[in-house]
Amino acid sequence: MYHPTKDTIDILFEACLTYEPGQMEPIDFLEGNSKSNDFSGSVVWILGKDHFLPKCIDDLHKDISSRLWLSYRKGFQTIGNTNFTSDKGWGCMLRCGQMILAESLIRLHLGRDWLCSEDKENIIYKKILKLFEDKRSCTYSIHQIALMGVCKGKTVGQWFGPNTIGHVLRQLSTFDSWNDLRIHVAMDTCLTKSDVENVATMQLEDLQNFYDTGKHPSNRLASWRPVLVIIPLRVGLCTVNPIYVEYLKACFECEQSVGIIGGKPNQALYFIGYAGEEVVFLDPHVCQPCTFTDEMEDFDDSSYHCTAPGRIPFLSMDPSLALCFFCKDEREFKALCVFLEERVLKDISSPLFEITQHRLHTRENISCRTVSAKSYSKSQGDEQMVCSSPSSEEEYELIEG
């Protein structure tokens, strides 16, 4: 069993002192008190896996602590020509993006049942971890993500929304030949099967041109490549519409789920599951000293794993979010579509999103107008038909039948 050293304890203590609180005070998920729910006798869902309490409490601890936790860091080399040596105060959504990608890579190489506590010396695990180290040479570092964001109109130090981080990760993945992972960002609240198929069967070197021009190359791969599917949504105006809570729960029960990322500026969180009416999350707002690993030697990875996840009510989530799913092959993608159609999009007049076989150029019987989220207000009772266009961080669509 791993025993923390004095240096590790000092790091964790300092992290507690540098926590950046948001408007909500999260409750330690595994700590009960008079103000919170007692989950004894209930089921906790974590990224497609169920844990029955109290019988499976140890398994629950191991499962959560095996997820890669990427939080604020300080003391790294400056990003580009800026003076930023920390992402505290602006990098929370970038860290959430790192976490969904890290979870996808763990699934790809080690599988959903992999436990860090039993296999922390795994060379593949260390190789995945190094991809996210805080230096420019690492493929998915805070440096690479922030600088790629400049191409998307974001200055270094500017907060990303769920849609932006999805597109930035998609661009970076085209330079990652080791994982050969494809990332598809569903636009206009519509998951198009043919688009995913195109991305999954395209040569890595053809992806960038496809993303830039939309032109399909003539050569295709014989088999699918792994795909991370990101579906940006807005599930309410200022708060989560209660009619969507059960469907968000269903997303966490999906085998292909790698979580939900969401939040407003400086309050982004990585949601990994739920218990009762509360959603469980890993919080990136803990600022820790920058650390580096070495593949050939033992290293202390405790700052990359969270033993105290938080929880908040579903209705306290920010309505701007992105659903994230990892499909290792075509069979898993087909299974995902069946699950979503039967559990998430069925029996609701205004579903979270649509699934189509081919891209729709027009929508029948639907009129849309784009309004500013900052200037438009209406009562919660009128939010039954709210959906959003993720093409803008400041705007969304009101869909009126």
Protein backbone atom coordinates (compact mmCIF):
# COMPACT_ATOMS: atom_id res chain seq x y z
CA MET A 1 0.00 0.00 0.00
CA TYR A 2 1.25 3.48 -0.83
CA HIS A 3 2.23 5.68 2.14
CA PRO A 4 2.61 9.40 1.45
CA THR A 5 5.97 10.98 2.21
CA LYS A 6 6.40 14.24 4.08
CA ASP A 7 6.96 16.04 0.75
CA THR A 8 3.67 14.64 -0.57
CA ILE A 9 1.81 15.75 2.55
CA ASP A 10 3.35 19.22 2.24
CA ILE A 11 2.23 19.42 -1.40
CA LEU A 12 -1.33 18.39 -0.56
CA PHE A 13 -1.43 20.85 2.35
CA GLU A 14 -0.23 23.66 0.10
CA ALA A 15 -2.83 22.66 -2.49
CA CYS A 16 -5.54 23.06 0.14
CA LEU A 17 -4.27 26.54 0.92
CA THR A 18 -4.34 27.51 -2.76
CA TYR A 19 -7.81 26.18 -3.56
CA GLU A 20 -9.81 28.64 -5.64
CA PRO A 21 -13.39 28.59 -4.35
CA GLY A 22 -16.31 29.20 -6.67
CA GLN A 23 -19.82 30.40 -5.88
CA MET A 24 -20.79 26.92 -4.68
CA GLU A 25 -19.14 25.11 -1.80
CA PRO A 26 -18.78 21.48 -2.90
CA ILE A 27 -19.24 18.66 -0.41
CA ASP A 28 -16.70 15.85 -0.22
CA PHE A 29 -18.63 13.07 -1.94
CA LEU A 30 -17.50 10.28 0.38
CA GLU A 31 -18.04 12.27 3.57
CA GLY A 32 -21.59 12.30 4.96
CA ASN A 33 -23.07 14.96 7.20
CA SER A 34 -26.45 16.14 8.40
CA LYS A 35 -26.85 18.45 5.41
CA SER A 36 -26.10 15.84 2.77
CA ASN A 37 -27.60 12.60 1.55
CA ASP A 38 -26.75 9.25 3.11
CA PHE A 39 -26.02 6.94 0.17
CA SER A 40 -26.09 3.73 2.19
CA GLY A 41 -28.24 1.18 0.36
CA SER A 42 -28.09 3.11 -2.91
CA VAL A 43 -26.20 2.81 -6.19
CA VAL A 44 -23.43 5.18 -7.24
CA TRP A 45 -22.70 5.35 -10.97
CA ILE A 46 -19.16 6.28 -12.06
CA LEU A 47 -18.47 6.45 -15.80
CA GLY A 48 -20.69 3.55 -16.79
CA LYS A 49 -20.00 1.36 -13.77
CA ASP A 50 -22.35 0.88 -10.81
CA HIS A 51 -21.25 0.59 -7.17
CA PHE A 52 -23.69 -0.62 -4.52
CA LEU A 53 -23.16 0.98 -1.11
CA PRO A 54 -22.01 0.17 1.46
CA LYS A 55 -20.93 -3.22 0.08
CA CYS A 56 -18.78 -1.81 -2.73
CA ILE A 57 -17.37 1.24 -0.92
CA ASP A 58 -13.76 0.04 -1.30
CA ASP A 59 -14.26 -0.58 -5.01
CA LEU A 60 -15.78 2.88 -5.33
CA HIS A 61 -12.73 4.46 -3.67
CA LYS A 62 -10.37 2.60 -5.99
CA ASP A 63 -12.42 3.44 -9.07
CA ILE A 64 -12.56 7.17 -8.40
CA SER A 65 -8.92 7.45 -7.33
CA SER A 66 -7.84 5.67 -10.54
CA ARG A 67 -9.16 8.48 -12.71
CA LEU A 68 -6.49 10.96 -13.79
CA TRP A 69 -7.00 14.26 -11.99
CA LEU A 70 -5.56 17.28 -13.78
CA SER A 71 -5.76 20.49 -11.77
CA TYR A 72 -4.22 23.96 -11.75
CA ARG A 73 -0.42 23.94 -11.57
CA LYS A 74 2.15 26.59 -10.82
CA GLY A 75 5.85 26.97 -11.47
CA PHE A 76 5.95 25.70 -15.04
CA GLN A 77 7.83 27.35 -17.91
CA THR A 78 6.14 30.38 -19.41
CA ILE A 79 3.53 29.74 -22.10
CA GLY A 80 4.70 31.16 -25.42
CA ASN A 81 5.66 34.82 -25.17
CA THR A 82 3.48 35.41 -22.12
CA ASN A 83 4.45 35.63 -18.45
CA PHE A 84 2.07 32.86 -17.37
CA THR A 85 3.77 30.28 -15.15
CA SER A 86 0.46 29.09 -13.69
CA ASP A 87 -3.03 28.52 -15.07
CA LYS A 88 -4.75 29.36 -11.80
CA GLY A 89 -7.83 31.49 -12.42
CA TRP A 90 -8.28 30.66 -16.10
CA GLY A 91 -7.30 27.08 -16.91
CA CYS A 92 -10.09 25.07 -15.29
CA MET A 93 -11.87 24.13 -18.53
CA LEU A 94 -8.54 23.33 -20.15
CA ARG A 95 -7.86 20.94 -17.26
CA CYS A 96 -11.33 19.41 -17.62
CA GLY A 97 -10.57 18.81 -21.28
CA GLN A 98 -7.33 17.12 -20.31
CA MET A 99 -9.24 14.85 -17.93
CA ILE A 100 -11.76 13.59 -20.48
CA LEU A 101 -8.95 12.95 -22.92
CA ALA A 102 -6.84 11.21 -20.27
CA GLU A 103 -9.79 8.98 -19.37
CA SER A 104 -10.23 8.12 -23.05
CA LEU A 105 -6.56 7.13 -23.38
CA ILE A 106 -6.75 5.00 -20.24
CA ARG A 107 -9.77 3.24 -21.79
CA LEU A 108 -7.93 2.79 -25.07
CA HIS A 109 -4.75 1.24 -23.69
CA LEU A 110 -5.60 -0.14 -20.24
CA GLY A 111 -9.38 -0.62 -20.22
CA ARG A 112 -12.20 0.59 -17.97
CA ASP A 113 -11.36 -1.86 -15.17
CA TRP A 114 -7.75 -0.72 -14.79
CA LEU A 115 -6.90 0.36 -11.23
CA CYS A 116 -3.98 2.64 -10.53
CA SER A 117 -3.51 1.29 -7.00
CA GLU A 118 -2.75 -2.17 -8.41
CA ASP A 119 -0.72 -1.21 -11.47
CA LYS A 120 0.90 2.19 -10.94
CA GLU A 121 4.24 1.04 -12.41
CA ASN A 122 2.62 0.26 -15.76
CA ILE A 123 4.79 1.77 -18.50
CA ILE A 124 1.77 2.63 -20.66
CA TYR A 125 0.16 4.47 -17.73
CA LYS A 126 3.31 6.53 -17.24
CA LYS A 127 3.46 7.26 -20.96
CA ILE A 128 -0.14 8.53 -20.90
CA LEU A 129 0.60 10.69 -17.87
CA LYS A 130 3.59 12.28 -19.58
CA LEU A 131 1.38 13.49 -22.43
CA PHE A 132 -0.22 15.95 -19.99
CA GLU A 133 2.87 17.25 -18.21
CA ASP A 134 3.15 21.03 -18.03
CA LYS A 135 5.78 21.67 -20.67
CA ARG A 136 5.45 22.59 -24.30
CA SER A 137 7.07 19.41 -25.60
CA CYS A 138 4.17 17.31 -24.26
CA THR A 139 1.35 16.70 -26.73
CA TYR A 140 -1.58 17.68 -24.50
CA SER A 141 0.14 20.04 -22.06
CA ILE A 142 -1.47 23.23 -20.81
CA HIS A 143 1.03 25.00 -23.09
CA GLN A 144 -0.12 23.21 -26.24
CA ILE A 145 -3.80 23.63 -25.41
CA ALA A 146 -3.49 27.34 -24.61
CA LEU A 147 -1.42 28.06 -27.72
CA MET A 148 -3.75 26.07 -29.97
CA GLY A 149 -6.56 28.15 -28.48
CA VAL A 150 -4.95 31.22 -30.05
CA CYS A 151 -5.86 29.71 -33.44
CA LYS A 152 -9.47 29.62 -32.21
CA GLY A 153 -9.46 33.29 -31.26
CA LYS A 154 -8.60 32.81 -27.58
CA THR A 155 -5.66 34.64 -26.05
CA VAL A 156 -3.46 32.78 -23.60
CA GLY A 157 -5.06 33.20 -20.19
CA GLN A 158 -8.59 33.46 -21.58
CA TRP A 159 -11.19 30.98 -20.36
CA PHE A 160 -12.48 28.29 -22.75
CA GLY A 161 -16.04 27.04 -23.03
CA PRO A 162 -16.92 23.34 -23.58
CA ASN A 163 -17.19 23.82 -27.33
CA THR A 164 -13.80 25.52 -27.66
CA ILE A 165 -11.90 22.93 -25.64
CA GLY A 166 -13.43 20.19 -27.78
CA HIS A 167 -12.19 21.77 -31.00
CA VAL A 168 -8.75 22.52 -29.56
CA LEU A 169 -8.29 18.91 -28.44
CA ARG A 170 -9.48 17.77 -31.85
CA GLN A 171 -6.76 19.82 -33.54
CA LEU A 172 -4.04 18.58 -31.19
CA SER A 173 -5.04 14.95 -31.71
CA THR A 174 -3.98 15.17 -35.35
CA PHE A 175 -0.35 15.38 -34.15
CA ASP A 176 -0.66 12.33 -31.89
CA SER A 177 0.41 9.31 -33.93
CA TRP A 178 0.96 7.06 -30.90
CA ASN A 179 -2.67 7.00 -29.80
CA ASP A 180 -4.15 7.50 -33.29
CA LEU A 181 -7.29 8.79 -31.57
CA ARG A 182 -10.01 10.63 -33.45
CA ILE A 183 -12.09 13.37 -31.82
CA HIS A 184 -15.50 14.32 -33.16
CA VAL A 185 -17.26 17.45 -31.90
CA ALA A 186 -20.98 17.28 -32.70
CA MET A 187 -22.28 20.64 -33.89
CA ASP A 188 -25.73 22.21 -33.69
CA THR A 189 -26.87 19.69 -31.06
CA CYS A 190 -26.84 16.93 -33.67
CA LEU A 191 -24.75 13.75 -33.64
CA THR A 192 -24.37 12.68 -37.27
CA LYS A 193 -23.36 9.04 -37.70
CA SER A 194 -21.79 9.54 -41.13
CA ASP A 195 -19.57 12.33 -39.77
CA VAL A 196 -18.24 10.04 -37.04
CA GLU A 197 -17.68 7.27 -39.59
CA ASN A 198 -15.75 9.66 -41.82
CA VAL A 199 -13.47 10.73 -38.99
CA ALA A 200 -12.98 7.18 -37.68
CA THR A 201 -11.90 5.78 -41.05
CA MET A 202 -9.71 8.65 -42.21
CA GLN A 203 -5.92 8.61 -42.38
CA LEU A 204 -4.38 10.70 -39.61
CA GLU A 205 -2.57 12.90 -42.13
CA ASP A 206 -5.87 13.65 -43.90
CA LEU A 207 -7.72 14.79 -40.80
CA GLN A 208 -6.34 18.32 -40.64
CA ASN A 209 -7.32 19.08 -44.22
CA PHE A 210 -10.74 17.57 -43.60
CA TYR A 211 -11.26 19.77 -40.54
CA ASP A 212 -10.15 22.85 -42.48
CA THR A 213 -11.99 22.28 -45.77
CA GLY A 214 -14.57 19.56 -45.17
CA LYS A 215 -13.27 17.67 -48.22
CA HIS A 216 -13.23 13.89 -47.97
CA PRO A 217 -10.04 12.09 -49.07
CA SER A 218 -10.30 9.22 -51.54
CA ASN A 219 -8.34 6.73 -49.43
CA ARG A 220 -9.98 5.22 -46.36
CA LEU A 221 -8.81 2.92 -43.59
CA ALA A 222 -10.13 -0.64 -43.58
CA SER A 223 -11.06 -0.49 -39.90
CA TRP A 224 -12.27 2.13 -37.44
CA ARG A 225 -9.93 4.07 -35.21
CA PRO A 226 -10.93 4.93 -31.63
CA VAL A 227 -13.16 8.01 -31.38
CA LEU A 228 -13.86 10.46 -28.58
CA VAL A 229 -17.30 11.95 -29.20
CA ILE A 230 -17.98 15.37 -27.64
CA ILE A 231 -21.51 16.79 -27.72
CA PRO A 232 -21.68 20.44 -26.53
CA LEU A 233 -25.10 21.45 -25.19
CA ARG A 234 -26.95 24.02 -23.17
CA VAL A 235 -29.59 22.39 -20.98
CA GLY A 236 -31.30 25.51 -19.68
CA LEU A 237 -30.97 29.27 -19.55
CA CYS A 238 -29.34 30.17 -16.23
CA THR A 239 -29.86 26.82 -14.52
CA VAL A 240 -30.29 23.21 -15.56
CA ASN A 241 -33.83 22.50 -16.71
CA PRO A 242 -35.21 19.83 -14.31
CA ILE A 243 -36.71 17.82 -17.19
CA TYR A 244 -33.20 16.90 -18.33
CA VAL A 245 -31.84 15.53 -15.03
CA GLU A 246 -32.93 11.92 -15.61
CA TYR A 247 -31.38 11.98 -19.08
CA LEU A 248 -28.09 13.34 -17.73
CA LYS A 249 -28.12 10.49 -15.20
CA ALA A 250 -28.58 8.02 -18.04
CA CYS A 251 -25.48 9.39 -19.75
CA PHE A 252 -23.37 8.44 -16.72
CA GLU A 253 -24.78 4.89 -16.91
CA CYS A 254 -23.58 4.43 -20.47
CA GLU A 255 -20.59 2.07 -20.89
CA GLN A 256 -18.96 4.51 -23.28
CA SER A 257 -19.27 7.52 -20.96
CA VAL A 258 -16.07 9.36 -20.10
CA GLY A 259 -17.99 12.04 -18.25
CA ILE A 260 -19.41 15.51 -18.68
CA ILE A 261 -17.48 18.76 -18.64
CA GLY A 262 -19.19 22.03 -17.96
CA GLY A 263 -19.32 25.33 -16.19
CA LYS A 264 -18.99 29.05 -16.59
CA PRO A 265 -15.79 31.14 -16.39
CA ASN A 266 -13.58 30.04 -13.47
CA GLN A 267 -16.07 27.37 -12.39
CA ALA A 268 -15.57 24.45 -14.81
CA LEU A 269 -15.83 20.94 -13.36
CA TYR A 270 -15.31 17.39 -14.60
CA PHE A 271 -18.42 15.35 -13.75
CA ILE A 272 -17.78 11.60 -13.50
CA GLY A 273 -21.02 10.15 -12.12
CA TYR A 274 -23.95 10.55 -9.80
CA ALA A 275 -25.55 9.34 -6.59
CA GLY A 276 -29.23 10.06 -6.00
CA GLU A 277 -29.92 13.64 -7.02
CA GLU A 278 -26.31 14.74 -6.81
CA VAL A 279 -23.58 14.69 -9.42
CA VAL A 280 -20.03 13.62 -8.55
CA PHE A 281 -17.08 15.61 -9.88
CA LEU A 282 -13.32 16.08 -9.89
CA ASP A 283 -12.39 19.68 -9.23
CA PRO A 284 -9.55 21.32 -11.21
CA HIS A 285 -9.46 24.39 -8.94
CA VAL A 286 -6.70 23.08 -6.68
CA CYS A 287 -3.38 24.74 -7.52
CA GLN A 288 -0.48 22.33 -7.08
CA PRO A 289 3.25 22.68 -7.76
CA CYS A 290 4.36 21.57 -11.21
CA THR A 291 5.80 18.03 -11.20
CA PHE A 292 7.43 15.83 -13.83
CA THR A 293 7.63 12.07 -14.16
CA ASP A 294 10.32 9.71 -15.38
CA GLU A 295 9.33 6.57 -17.25
CA MET A 296 12.36 4.65 -16.02
CA GLU A 297 12.12 5.42 -12.30
CA ASP A 298 9.55 5.27 -9.54
CA PHE A 299 7.67 8.54 -9.14
CA ASP A 300 5.09 10.03 -6.84
CA ASP A 301 1.87 10.39 -8.84
CA SER A 302 -0.39 11.18 -5.87
CA SER A 303 -1.06 14.72 -7.12
CA TYR A 304 -2.62 13.22 -10.27
CA HIS A 305 -5.26 11.24 -8.40
CA CYS A 306 -8.11 12.61 -6.31
CA THR A 307 -9.22 10.81 -3.15
CA ALA A 308 -11.86 13.38 -2.20
CA PRO A 309 -14.26 14.01 -5.11
CA GLY A 310 -16.99 16.59 -4.68
CA ARG A 311 -20.73 16.48 -5.22
CA ILE A 312 -23.40 19.05 -5.92
CA PRO A 313 -27.10 18.80 -6.84
CA PHE A 314 -27.78 18.31 -10.54
CA LEU A 315 -29.75 21.56 -10.51
CA SER A 316 -26.66 23.42 -9.29
CA MET A 317 -24.70 22.50 -12.42
CA ASP A 318 -24.12 25.22 -14.97
CA PRO A 319 -26.31 24.51 -18.04
CA SER A 320 -23.41 24.97 -20.47
CA LEU A 321 -21.80 21.54 -20.77
CA ALA A 322 -20.55 18.81 -23.08
CA LEU A 323 -21.38 15.10 -23.00
CA CYS A 324 -18.33 12.94 -23.71
CA PHE A 325 -18.16 9.32 -24.90
CA PHE A 326 -15.28 7.08 -25.95
CA CYS A 327 -15.79 4.38 -28.58
CA LYS A 328 -12.89 2.02 -29.21
CA ASP A 329 -14.34 0.64 -32.42
CA GLU A 330 -17.38 0.67 -34.71
CA ARG A 331 -19.23 -1.86 -32.56
CA GLU A 332 -18.96 0.40 -29.51
CA PHE A 333 -20.16 3.42 -31.48
CA LYS A 334 -23.21 1.53 -32.69
CA ALA A 335 -23.90 0.42 -29.11
CA LEU A 336 -23.57 4.03 -27.97
CA CYS A 337 -26.12 5.22 -30.53
CA VAL A 338 -28.59 2.52 -29.50
CA PHE A 339 -28.17 3.43 -25.84
CA LEU A 340 -28.64 7.14 -26.48
CA GLU A 341 -31.70 6.60 -28.65
CA GLU A 342 -33.34 4.31 -26.08
CA ARG A 343 -32.30 5.95 -22.81
CA VAL A 344 -31.50 9.60 -23.47
CA LEU A 345 -33.51 10.78 -26.49
CA LYS A 346 -36.69 8.74 -26.14
CA ASP A 347 -40.01 9.87 -24.62
CA ILE A 348 -39.16 13.57 -24.40
CA SER A 349 -40.70 16.36 -26.47
CA SER A 350 -37.50 18.42 -26.53
CA PRO A 351 -34.54 15.99 -26.45
CA LEU A 352 -31.03 17.00 -25.43
CA PHE A 353 -29.82 16.52 -29.00
CA GLU A 354 -30.56 14.61 -32.20
CA ILE A 355 -28.96 11.58 -33.85
CA THR A 356 -29.11 11.42 -37.64
CA GLN A 357 -27.54 9.16 -40.24
CA HIS A 358 -26.48 12.03 -42.49
CA ARG A 359 -25.99 15.74 -42.02
CA LEU A 360 -29.22 17.74 -42.13
CA HIS A 361 -29.02 20.88 -44.23
CA THR A 362 -32.47 22.04 -43.16
CA ARG A 363 -34.77 21.30 -40.28
CA GLU A 364 -38.46 20.97 -40.92
CA ASN A 365 -41.10 22.38 -38.62
CA ILE A 366 -38.57 24.16 -36.45
CA SER A 367 -37.90 27.87 -36.34
CA CYS A 368 -34.81 29.13 -34.57
CA ARG A 369 -33.58 32.51 -33.53
CA THR A 370 -30.29 33.30 -31.88
CA VAL A 371 -30.31 35.48 -28.79
CA SER A 372 -27.73 36.66 -26.32
CA ALA A 373 -27.61 34.60 -23.15
CA LYS A 374 -26.75 37.74 -21.23
CA SER A 375 -29.66 39.82 -22.46
CA TYR A 376 -32.48 37.27 -22.61
CA SER A 377 -34.41 36.21 -19.53
CA LYS A 378 -37.53 34.17 -18.90
CA SER A 379 -39.04 32.23 -16.05
CA GLN A 380 -38.01 28.65 -15.33
CA GLY A 381 -41.47 27.49 -16.28
CA ASP A 382 -40.87 28.66 -19.84
CA GLU A 383 -37.63 26.71 -20.26
CA GLN A 384 -39.23 23.51 -21.50
CA MET A 385 -38.11 24.07 -25.10
CA VAL A 386 -34.57 25.34 -24.57
CA CYS A 387 -31.75 23.95 -26.68
CA SER A 388 -28.50 25.52 -27.75
CA SER A 389 -26.12 26.00 -30.61
CA PRO A 390 -22.58 25.32 -29.41
CA SER A 391 -21.06 27.34 -32.23
CA SER A 392 -20.74 30.34 -29.93
CA GLU A 393 -19.78 30.61 -26.28
CA GLU A 394 -22.06 33.62 -25.82
CA GLU A 395 -25.07 32.62 -27.88
CA TYR A 396 -27.52 29.76 -28.10
CA GLU A 397 -30.68 28.88 -29.97
CA LEU A 398 -34.19 28.96 -28.66
CA ILE A 399 -36.06 26.26 -30.54
CA GLU A 400 -39.73 26.97 -30.93
CA GLY A 401 -42.07 24.36 -32.40
